[in-house]
Structures are given as structure tokens and as C-alpha cells.
Amino acid sequence: MPKTAANLSRRGFFVGAATAGAAAVGAAVAPSLRPDPAPQADAKPAPERGGGYSVTDHVKRYYKSTLV
């Protein structure tokens, strides 16, 4: 194979690899470009004297997941 054909083949490989890499990055970033969902309407107001910890369903799920 002539030297120019080998260079063109190598160049085509790297162009294809760069294109595939750019497409992978675009696919990874695309979900973060969606707008945020609407805030939940049933959120509790902040406590007046601090102590904002409350046992909710997601807290119970977390503690359940830590059991060995």
C-alpha cells in the first residue's frame, strides 16, 4: 500500500473516532439540558424554630437500604 493511502486510512480512522467521541459526549450531556420539573406543591413550610429534620418516606427508604 502506498504511503499516502496509509496516511489517508489512518486519518479517516481518527476522524471517525473523534466523531464518535463527540457524539458520545453529546448523548451524555443532552439529558441535563432538559428544563427542571415543576416544584412540588405539597411541600411543608420551614419550621419556625429550626429542627427541620422529619422522617419522610425517602428517609425511611434510605435507612432501610443501609441495613446489613
N, C-alpha and C. Protein backbone atom coordinates (compact mmCIF):
# COMPACT_ATOMS: atom_id res chain seq x y z
N MET A 1 0.84 -1.17 0.00
CA MET A 1 0.00 0.00 0.00
C MET A 1 0.90 1.24 0.00
N PRO A 2 0.63 2.21 -0.89
CA PRO A 2 1.45 3.42 -0.92
C PRO A 2 1.34 4.20 0.40
N LYS A 3 2.34 5.02 0.65
CA LYS A 3 2.39 5.76 1.90
C LYS A 3 1.21 6.73 2.03
N THR A 4 0.78 7.37 0.96
CA THR A 4 -0.33 8.31 1.03
C THR A 4 -1.64 7.59 1.35
N ALA A 5 -1.82 6.39 0.84
CA ALA A 5 -3.04 5.64 1.14
C ALA A 5 -3.09 5.25 2.61
N ALA A 6 -1.95 4.91 3.20
CA ALA A 6 -1.90 4.56 4.62
C ALA A 6 -2.21 5.78 5.46
N ASN A 7 -1.69 6.95 5.07
CA ASN A 7 -1.97 8.17 5.83
C ASN A 7 -3.44 8.54 5.75
N LEU A 8 -4.04 8.38 4.57
CA LEU A 8 -5.46 8.69 4.43
C LEU A 8 -6.31 7.73 5.27
N SER A 9 -5.92 6.47 5.29
CA SER A 9 -6.66 5.50 6.06
C SER A 9 -6.56 5.81 7.55
N ARG A 10 -5.38 6.15 8.01
CA ARG A 10 -5.18 6.49 9.41
C ARG A 10 -5.95 7.76 9.76
N ARG A 11 -5.91 8.72 8.86
CA ARG A 11 -6.61 9.98 9.08
C ARG A 11 -8.11 9.73 9.17
N GLY A 12 -8.64 8.87 8.30
CA GLY A 12 -10.06 8.55 8.34
C GLY A 12 -10.45 7.87 9.63
N PHE A 13 -9.56 7.00 10.13
CA PHE A 13 -9.83 6.33 11.41
C PHE A 13 -9.95 7.35 12.53
N PHE A 14 -9.00 8.28 12.61
CA PHE A 14 -9.01 9.25 13.69
C PHE A 14 -10.18 10.23 13.57
N VAL A 15 -10.55 10.58 12.35
CA VAL A 15 -11.72 11.45 12.17
C VAL A 15 -12.97 10.72 12.64
N GLY A 16 -13.08 9.45 12.31
CA GLY A 16 -14.24 8.67 12.76
C GLY A 16 -14.26 8.50 14.27
N ALA A 17 -13.10 8.29 14.88
CA ALA A 17 -13.03 8.15 16.34
C ALA A 17 -13.41 9.46 17.02
N ALA A 18 -12.96 10.58 16.47
CA ALA A 18 -13.30 11.88 17.06
C ALA A 18 -14.78 12.16 16.92
N THR A 19 -15.36 11.79 15.81
CA THR A 19 -16.80 11.99 15.60
C THR A 19 -17.60 11.13 16.58
N ALA A 20 -17.18 9.89 16.76
CA ALA A 20 -17.88 9.01 17.70
C ALA A 20 -17.75 9.52 19.13
N GLY A 21 -16.58 10.04 19.49
CA GLY A 21 -16.39 10.61 20.82
C GLY A 21 -17.26 11.83 21.05
N ALA A 22 -17.36 12.69 20.06
CA ALA A 22 -18.20 13.88 20.18
C ALA A 22 -19.67 13.49 20.30
N ALA A 23 -20.09 12.46 19.58
CA ALA A 23 -21.48 12.00 19.68
C ALA A 23 -21.76 11.42 21.06
N ALA A 24 -20.78 10.71 21.64
CA ALA A 24 -20.96 10.14 22.98
C ALA A 24 -21.08 11.25 24.02
N VAL A 25 -20.27 12.27 23.90
CA VAL A 25 -20.35 13.40 24.84
C VAL A 25 -21.69 14.11 24.68
N GLY A 26 -22.13 14.30 23.47
CA GLY A 26 -23.43 14.94 23.25
C GLY A 26 -24.57 14.14 23.83
N ALA A 27 -24.51 12.83 23.71
CA ALA A 27 -25.56 11.98 24.28
C ALA A 27 -25.53 12.00 25.79
N ALA A 28 -24.35 12.14 26.39
CA ALA A 28 -24.24 12.18 27.84
C ALA A 28 -24.73 13.52 28.40
N VAL A 29 -24.53 14.59 27.66
CA VAL A 29 -24.90 15.92 28.15
C VAL A 29 -26.36 16.26 27.87
N ALA A 30 -26.94 15.66 26.87
CA ALA A 30 -28.30 16.01 26.45
C ALA A 30 -29.35 15.90 27.57
N PRO A 31 -29.36 14.88 28.42
CA PRO A 31 -30.38 14.82 29.46
C PRO A 31 -30.31 15.99 30.45
N SER A 32 -29.12 16.54 30.68
CA SER A 32 -29.01 17.64 31.63
C SER A 32 -29.51 18.96 31.04
N LEU A 33 -29.81 19.00 29.76
CA LEU A 33 -30.29 20.22 29.13
C LEU A 33 -31.81 20.37 29.21
N ARG A 34 -32.48 19.32 29.70
CA ARG A 34 -33.93 19.41 29.84
C ARG A 34 -34.29 20.38 30.95
N PRO A 35 -35.42 21.10 30.84
CA PRO A 35 -35.82 22.02 31.90
C PRO A 35 -36.18 21.25 33.18
N ASP A 36 -36.02 21.90 34.30
CA ASP A 36 -36.34 21.28 35.58
C ASP A 36 -37.85 21.05 35.69
N PRO A 37 -38.26 19.95 36.34
CA PRO A 37 -39.69 19.73 36.54
C PRO A 37 -40.26 20.78 37.49
N ALA A 38 -41.55 20.94 37.43
CA ALA A 38 -42.22 21.92 38.29
C ALA A 38 -42.03 21.53 39.76
N PRO A 39 -41.88 22.51 40.64
CA PRO A 39 -41.73 22.19 42.06
C PRO A 39 -43.00 21.56 42.62
N GLN A 40 -42.83 20.75 43.64
CA GLN A 40 -43.97 20.08 44.23
C GLN A 40 -44.80 21.08 45.03
N ALA A 41 -46.10 20.99 44.87
CA ALA A 41 -46.99 21.94 45.53
C ALA A 41 -47.23 21.60 46.99
N ASP A 42 -47.04 20.34 47.39
CA ASP A 42 -47.37 19.94 48.75
C ASP A 42 -46.16 19.97 49.69
N ALA A 43 -45.19 20.83 49.43
CA ALA A 43 -44.01 20.93 50.29
C ALA A 43 -44.40 21.59 51.61
N LYS A 44 -43.83 21.07 52.69
CA LYS A 44 -44.14 21.61 54.02
C LYS A 44 -43.39 22.92 54.23
N PRO A 45 -43.98 23.85 54.97
CA PRO A 45 -43.26 25.10 55.26
C PRO A 45 -42.10 24.84 56.22
N ALA A 46 -41.11 25.71 56.18
CA ALA A 46 -39.95 25.56 57.06
C ALA A 46 -40.36 25.77 58.51
N PRO A 47 -39.79 25.01 59.44
CA PRO A 47 -40.14 25.20 60.85
C PRO A 47 -39.67 26.55 61.36
N GLU A 48 -40.40 27.10 62.30
CA GLU A 48 -40.09 28.44 62.80
C GLU A 48 -38.86 28.45 63.71
N ARG A 49 -38.66 27.40 64.49
CA ARG A 49 -37.56 27.39 65.46
C ARG A 49 -36.46 26.40 65.07
N GLY A 50 -36.26 26.17 63.80
CA GLY A 50 -35.23 25.24 63.36
C GLY A 50 -35.71 23.81 63.52
N GLY A 51 -34.78 22.88 63.54
CA GLY A 51 -35.16 21.48 63.70
C GLY A 51 -35.94 20.97 62.51
N GLY A 52 -35.46 21.22 61.31
CA GLY A 52 -36.19 20.87 60.11
C GLY A 52 -36.16 19.41 59.73
N TYR A 53 -35.54 18.57 60.55
CA TYR A 53 -35.48 17.14 60.22
C TYR A 53 -36.83 16.50 60.49
N SER A 54 -37.30 15.74 59.51
CA SER A 54 -38.52 14.97 59.72
C SER A 54 -38.37 13.64 58.99
N VAL A 55 -38.96 12.63 59.56
CA VAL A 55 -38.88 11.30 58.97
C VAL A 55 -39.93 11.22 57.87
N THR A 56 -39.44 11.14 56.64
CA THR A 56 -40.33 11.04 55.48
C THR A 56 -40.11 9.69 54.82
N ASP A 57 -40.88 9.43 53.77
CA ASP A 57 -40.76 8.14 53.09
C ASP A 57 -39.37 7.91 52.52
N HIS A 58 -38.77 8.95 51.93
CA HIS A 58 -37.45 8.73 51.35
C HIS A 58 -36.38 8.53 52.42
N VAL A 59 -36.56 9.12 53.61
CA VAL A 59 -35.63 8.89 54.71
C VAL A 59 -35.77 7.45 55.20
N LYS A 60 -36.99 6.97 55.29
CA LYS A 60 -37.22 5.58 55.72
C LYS A 60 -36.62 4.61 54.72
N ARG A 61 -36.76 4.90 53.41
CA ARG A 61 -36.16 4.03 52.38
C ARG A 61 -34.64 4.02 52.51
N TYR A 62 -34.06 5.19 52.79
CA TYR A 62 -32.61 5.24 52.93
C TYR A 62 -32.16 4.37 54.11
N TYR A 63 -32.77 4.53 55.27
CA TYR A 63 -32.37 3.75 56.42
C TYR A 63 -32.59 2.26 56.19
N LYS A 64 -33.65 1.93 55.48
CA LYS A 64 -33.90 0.52 55.17
C LYS A 64 -32.80 -0.02 54.26
N SER A 65 -32.28 0.79 53.36
CA SER A 65 -31.25 0.33 52.43
C SER A 65 -29.90 0.15 53.12
N THR A 66 -29.71 0.73 54.31
CA THR A 66 -28.42 0.63 54.99
C THR A 66 -28.35 -0.60 55.89
N LEU A 67 -29.45 -1.31 56.06
CA LEU A 67 -29.41 -2.50 56.91
C LEU A 67 -28.56 -3.58 56.27
N VAL A 68 -27.79 -4.25 57.07
CA VAL A 68 -26.89 -5.28 56.54
C VAL A 68 -27.52 -6.64 56.70
